[in-house]
């Protein structure tokens, strides 16, 4: 099993998620994003969104895809590859 406890960053999209959230008009709060995710069938609370943005929580691929849909950005943009 791969040990990951020594790594501080646990995802590479957290900062971009925060940018996308703030870029929305009107701004989307962490709690609003959690609600949108719940509507999409993925249960996250505000604390989980905060940990994602602070890069201290791992993300599953389906969570990244759902967040991209909720924030109306592409998955590629979240990974820093799109416009």
C-alpha atoms as a PDB file:
ATOM      1  CA  UNK A   1       0.000   0.000   0.000  1.00  0.00           C
ATOM      2  CA  UNK A   2       1.237   3.446  -0.902  1.00  0.00           C
ATOM      3  CA  UNK A   3       1.919   5.700   2.078  1.00  0.00           C
ATOM      4  CA  UNK A   4       0.564   9.194   1.569  1.00  0.00           C
ATOM      5  CA  UNK A   5       0.620  10.643   5.054  1.00  0.00           C
ATOM      6  CA  UNK A   6       3.875  12.484   4.355  1.00  0.00           C
ATOM      7  CA  UNK A   7       2.407  14.376   1.409  1.00  0.00           C
ATOM      8  CA  UNK A   8       0.820  17.655   2.348  1.00  0.00           C
ATOM      9  CA  UNK A   9      -1.146  18.212  -0.871  1.00  0.00           C
ATOM     10  CA  UNK A  10      -3.744  15.567  -1.541  1.00  0.00           C
ATOM     11  CA  UNK A  11      -5.223  17.009  -4.735  1.00  0.00           C
ATOM     12  CA  UNK A  12      -4.187  19.368  -7.495  1.00  0.00           C
ATOM     13  CA  UNK A  13      -7.579  20.928  -8.228  1.00  0.00           C
ATOM     14  CA  UNK A  14      -8.431  22.548  -4.896  1.00  0.00           C
ATOM     15  CA  UNK A  15      -7.149  26.013  -5.751  1.00  0.00           C
ATOM     16  CA  UNK A  16      -8.948  25.985  -9.096  1.00  0.00           C
ATOM     17  CA  UNK A  17     -12.192  24.919  -7.419  1.00  0.00           C
ATOM     18  CA  UNK A  18     -11.968  27.967  -5.144  1.00  0.00           C
ATOM     19  CA  UNK A  19     -11.273  30.195  -8.173  1.00  0.00           C
ATOM     20  CA  UNK A  20     -14.262  28.782 -10.064  1.00  0.00           C
ATOM     21  CA  UNK A  21     -16.514  29.180  -7.027  1.00  0.00           C
ATOM     22  CA  UNK A  22     -15.574  32.846  -6.609  1.00  0.00           C
ATOM     23  CA  UNK A  23     -15.720  33.489 -10.366  1.00  0.00           C
ATOM     24  CA  UNK A  24     -19.405  32.475 -10.503  1.00  0.00           C
ATOM     25  CA  UNK A  25     -21.958  35.287 -10.631  1.00  0.00           C
ATOM     26  CA  UNK A  26     -23.282  35.469  -7.990  1.00  0.00           C
ATOM     27  CA  UNK A  27     -20.457  33.936  -5.962  1.00  0.00           C
ATOM     28  CA  UNK A  28     -21.018  30.375  -4.804  1.00  0.00           C
ATOM     29  CA  UNK A  29     -20.231  29.734  -1.150  1.00  0.00           C
ATOM     30  CA  UNK A  30     -18.722  26.490   0.074  1.00  0.00           C
ATOM     31  CA  UNK A  31     -22.093  25.635   1.599  1.00  0.00           C
ATOM     32  CA  UNK A  32     -23.852  26.366  -1.711  1.00  0.00           C
ATOM     33  CA  UNK A  33     -21.410  24.091  -3.529  1.00  0.00           C
ATOM     34  CA  UNK A  34     -22.082  21.352  -0.985  1.00  0.00           C
ATOM     35  CA  UNK A  35     -25.814  21.785  -1.651  1.00  0.00           C
ATOM     36  CA  UNK A  36     -25.319  21.586  -5.418  1.00  0.00           C
ATOM     37  CA  UNK A  37     -23.267  18.434  -4.953  1.00  0.00           C
ATOM     38  CA  UNK A  38     -26.026  16.941  -2.771  1.00  0.00           C
ATOM     39  CA  UNK A  39     -28.542  17.716  -5.527  1.00  0.00           C
ATOM     40  CA  UNK A  40     -26.226  15.789  -7.883  1.00  0.00           C
ATOM     41  CA  UNK A  41     -26.267  12.828  -5.477  1.00  0.00           C
ATOM     42  CA  UNK A  42     -22.853  13.351  -3.893  1.00  0.00           C
ATOM     43  CA  UNK A  43     -22.876  14.145  -0.202  1.00  0.00           C
ATOM     44  CA  UNK A  44     -20.242  16.656   0.887  1.00  0.00           C
ATOM     45  CA  UNK A  45     -20.542  19.153   3.696  1.00  0.00           C
ATOM     46  CA  UNK A  46     -19.004  22.617   3.887  1.00  0.00           C
ATOM     47  CA  UNK A  47     -16.063  21.240   5.857  1.00  0.00           C
ATOM     48  CA  UNK A  48     -15.278  18.742   3.103  1.00  0.00           C
ATOM     49  CA  UNK A  49     -15.362  21.515   0.484  1.00  0.00           C
ATOM     50  CA  UNK A  50     -12.982  23.561   2.639  1.00  0.00           C
ATOM     51  CA  UNK A  51     -10.599  20.619   2.971  1.00  0.00           C
ATOM     52  CA  UNK A  52     -10.729  20.066  -0.802  1.00  0.00           C
ATOM     53  CA  UNK A  53      -9.868  23.709  -1.458  1.00  0.00           C
ATOM     54  CA  UNK A  54      -7.065  23.571   1.098  1.00  0.00           C
ATOM     55  CA  UNK A  55      -5.786  20.432  -0.660  1.00  0.00           C
ATOM     56  CA  UNK A  56      -6.001  18.280   2.462  1.00  0.00           C
ATOM     57  CA  UNK A  57      -8.729  15.942   1.148  1.00  0.00           C
ATOM     58  CA  UNK A  58      -8.471  13.424  -1.650  1.00  0.00           C
ATOM     59  CA  UNK A  59     -11.018  13.564  -4.447  1.00  0.00           C
ATOM     60  CA  UNK A  60     -12.520  10.730  -6.423  1.00  0.00           C
ATOM     61  CA  UNK A  61     -12.784  11.183 -10.182  1.00  0.00           C
ATOM     62  CA  UNK A  62     -16.592  11.302 -10.073  1.00  0.00           C
ATOM     63  CA  UNK A  63     -16.388  14.078  -7.465  1.00  0.00           C
ATOM     64  CA  UNK A  64     -14.138  16.175  -9.721  1.00  0.00           C
ATOM     65  CA  UNK A  65     -16.544  15.669 -12.632  1.00  0.00           C
ATOM     66  CA  UNK A  66     -19.558  16.623 -10.492  1.00  0.00           C
ATOM     67  CA  UNK A  67     -17.836  19.720  -9.098  1.00  0.00           C
ATOM     68  CA  UNK A  68     -16.961  20.810 -12.634  1.00  0.00           C
ATOM     69  CA  UNK A  69     -20.618  20.443 -13.670  1.00  0.00           C
ATOM     70  CA  UNK A  70     -21.846  22.297 -10.559  1.00  0.00           C
ATOM     71  CA  UNK A  71     -19.475  25.204 -11.190  1.00  0.00           C
ATOM     72  CA  UNK A  72     -19.960  25.149 -14.984  1.00  0.00           C
ATOM     73  CA  UNK A  73     -16.291  24.673 -15.793  1.00  0.00           C
ATOM     74  CA  UNK A  74     -14.508  21.849 -17.563  1.00  0.00           C
ATOM     75  CA  UNK A  75     -12.582  19.119 -15.807  1.00  0.00           C
ATOM     76  CA  UNK A  76      -9.585  20.142 -17.925  1.00  0.00           C
ATOM     77  CA  UNK A  77      -9.850  23.697 -16.544  1.00  0.00           C
ATOM     78  CA  UNK A  78      -9.839  22.361 -12.983  1.00  0.00           C
ATOM     79  CA  UNK A  79      -6.598  20.557 -13.784  1.00  0.00           C
ATOM     80  CA  UNK A  80      -5.127  23.753 -15.260  1.00  0.00           C
ATOM     81  CA  UNK A  81      -5.267  22.591 -18.859  1.00  0.00           C
ATOM     82  CA  UNK A  82      -8.187  24.560 -20.245  1.00  0.00           C
ATOM     83  CA  UNK A  83      -9.104  28.206 -20.563  1.00  0.00           C
END
